[in-house]
Amino acid sequence: MLAPSPSQHLESQISRPGNPPGDSPKPNHALARGSLSIIVVLVLMELREVDSARMGAAAGLYFTAGEIGGVLGPLTIGTLYDVTGNFSAALDALAALCLWQLLLLSRLRLALR
């Protein structure tokens, strides 16, 4: 039997748990996320609260928050996993963060009325 080629080895390393062996992840998720970023910026442009003079700042804040989350999210989850040995604390922290953001959003909506 021949040894697996480097591409077959890489494919086995990145296949998702529960997928049949050799079933590599599809690029649809990345494509959807990339498209979503563009749509969010277009929605920001259409908001009456964001005029043309503030559009650059609004887009900058959006992308800054996204990049901070993209860097700190995996680091935090990995650290919590290393400390606790499971993902429960990390998932609890994500749930708390979501609840905190919902609270901030509700207060912001009240302030804009």
Protein backbone atom coordinates (compact mmCIF):
# COMPACT_ATOMS: atom_id res chain seq x y z
CA MET A 1 0.00 0.00 0.00
CA LEU A 2 1.29 3.44 -0.90
CA ALA A 3 1.85 6.16 1.66
CA PRO A 4 -0.72 8.98 1.53
CA SER A 5 0.27 11.96 -0.56
CA PRO A 6 0.83 15.30 1.19
CA SER A 7 -2.50 16.59 -0.12
CA GLN A 8 -4.33 13.51 1.21
CA HIS A 9 -2.62 13.95 4.57
CA LEU A 10 -3.59 17.63 4.70
CA GLU A 11 -7.16 16.77 3.70
CA SER A 12 -7.39 14.24 6.54
CA GLN A 13 -6.07 16.84 8.99
CA ILE A 14 -8.66 19.48 8.08
CA SER A 15 -11.71 17.26 7.68
CA ARG A 16 -14.43 18.06 10.17
CA PRO A 17 -15.30 15.69 13.00
CA GLY A 18 -18.20 13.50 12.02
CA ASN A 19 -17.58 13.86 8.29
CA PRO A 20 -16.56 10.80 6.33
CA PRO A 21 -12.79 10.49 5.83
CA GLY A 22 -11.65 12.45 2.81
CA ASP A 23 -14.59 14.89 2.96
CA SER A 24 -12.84 18.23 3.15
CA PRO A 25 -14.53 21.43 4.33
CA LYS A 26 -16.30 23.40 1.65
CA PRO A 27 -15.46 27.05 0.99
CA ASN A 28 -19.12 28.12 1.31
CA HIS A 29 -18.71 29.28 4.91
CA ALA A 30 -15.78 31.56 4.10
CA LEU A 31 -17.53 32.88 1.01
CA ALA A 32 -20.67 33.67 3.00
CA ARG A 33 -18.73 35.47 5.74
CA GLY A 34 -16.81 37.55 3.22
CA SER A 35 -20.03 38.54 1.48
CA LEU A 36 -21.66 39.37 4.79
CA SER A 37 -18.98 41.94 5.60
CA ILE A 38 -19.74 43.81 2.40
CA ILE A 39 -23.48 43.71 3.09
CA VAL A 40 -23.01 45.07 6.62
CA VAL A 41 -21.00 48.03 5.31
CA LEU A 42 -23.72 48.71 2.72
CA VAL A 43 -26.36 48.59 5.46
CA LEU A 44 -24.29 51.07 7.47
CA MET A 45 -24.30 53.40 4.46
CA GLU A 46 -28.09 53.30 4.32
CA LEU A 47 -28.72 54.07 7.98
CA ARG A 48 -30.03 57.58 8.56
CA GLU A 49 -28.01 57.80 11.77
CA VAL A 50 -24.75 57.39 9.79
CA ASP A 51 -24.32 60.30 7.41
CA SER A 52 -21.67 60.46 4.71
CA ALA A 53 -19.25 62.40 6.93
CA ARG A 54 -19.28 59.55 9.49
CA MET A 55 -19.35 56.59 7.13
CA GLY A 56 -15.59 56.01 7.29
CA ALA A 57 -15.60 56.04 11.07
CA ALA A 58 -18.58 53.66 11.21
CA ALA A 59 -16.95 51.19 8.83
CA GLY A 60 -13.67 51.49 10.73
CA LEU A 61 -15.37 50.70 14.03
CA TYR A 62 -17.14 47.72 12.48
CA PHE A 63 -13.94 46.25 11.07
CA THR A 64 -11.97 47.03 14.24
CA ALA A 65 -14.48 45.13 16.36
CA GLY A 66 -14.41 42.24 13.89
CA GLU A 67 -10.63 42.02 13.90
CA ILE A 68 -10.38 42.24 17.69
CA GLY A 69 -12.91 39.42 17.97
CA GLY A 70 -11.10 37.44 15.31
CA VAL A 71 -7.85 37.58 17.29
CA LEU A 72 -9.03 37.48 20.89
CA GLY A 73 -11.83 34.94 20.41
CA PRO A 74 -9.70 31.90 19.57
CA LEU A 75 -7.01 32.92 22.06
CA THR A 76 -9.55 33.25 24.87
CA ILE A 77 -11.34 30.01 24.03
CA GLY A 78 -8.02 28.15 23.79
CA THR A 79 -6.82 29.56 27.11
CA LEU A 80 -10.07 28.65 28.86
CA TYR A 81 -9.85 25.15 27.39
CA ASP A 82 -6.25 24.78 28.59
CA VAL A 83 -7.20 25.94 32.08
CA THR A 84 -10.40 23.91 32.49
CA GLY A 85 -9.83 20.94 30.18
CA ASN A 86 -13.19 21.37 28.40
CA PHE A 87 -15.13 23.94 26.42
CA SER A 88 -17.86 24.59 29.00
CA ALA A 89 -16.24 27.72 30.45
CA ALA A 90 -15.54 29.07 26.97
CA LEU A 91 -19.13 28.53 25.86
CA ASP A 92 -20.40 30.11 29.08
CA ALA A 93 -18.17 33.13 28.42
CA LEU A 94 -19.50 33.42 24.86
CA ALA A 95 -23.08 33.23 26.13
CA ALA A 96 -22.36 35.95 28.71
CA LEU A 97 -20.78 38.12 26.02
CA CYS A 98 -23.86 37.70 23.81
CA LEU A 99 -26.17 38.65 26.68
CA TRP A 100 -24.01 41.71 27.46
CA GLN A 101 -24.17 42.79 23.80
CA LEU A 102 -27.95 42.37 23.76
CA LEU A 103 -28.19 44.57 26.85
CA LEU A 104 -26.02 47.24 25.23
CA LEU A 105 -28.06 47.06 22.03
CA SER A 106 -31.33 47.48 23.90
CA ARG A 107 -29.95 50.51 25.74
CA LEU A 108 -28.71 51.98 22.48
CA ARG A 109 -32.11 51.52 20.86
CA LEU A 110 -33.77 53.30 23.75
CA ALA A 111 -31.28 56.17 23.52
CA LEU A 112 -31.90 56.59 19.77
CA ARG A 113 -35.66 56.92 20.18
